[in-house]
Amino acid sequence: MEISGIISAILIGIIIGVLGRLVVPGRQHIGILLTILVGIVAALLGSALAAGFGVANTNGIDWIEWLIQIGLAALGVAALDRSRVRR
């Protein structure tokens, strides 16, 4: 992966993390840095899953890939929030 790919993954991860946090109802007790980290991981995993399902390379915007990434980010944010609340 080139440096431009890494930078774009980080930027997309920030957007995905914020969107994933907005999808989860209620207040989350995790910081913005964890949200960004969850977004980056969700963006990378979502891209891999979309490629595995064959929906990553379509004409135009890859809406299905975005939905997968946002869903994974929402799951990550909710899981981290629940682990923080239990402590």
Foldseek 3Di string as FASTA:
>chain_A
DDPVVVVVLLVQLLVLLVLLCVVADDDFDDDSVQSSVQSSVLLVVLLVVCVVVPQNDDPDDSPSSSVSSSPSSNVSRVVVRVVVVVD
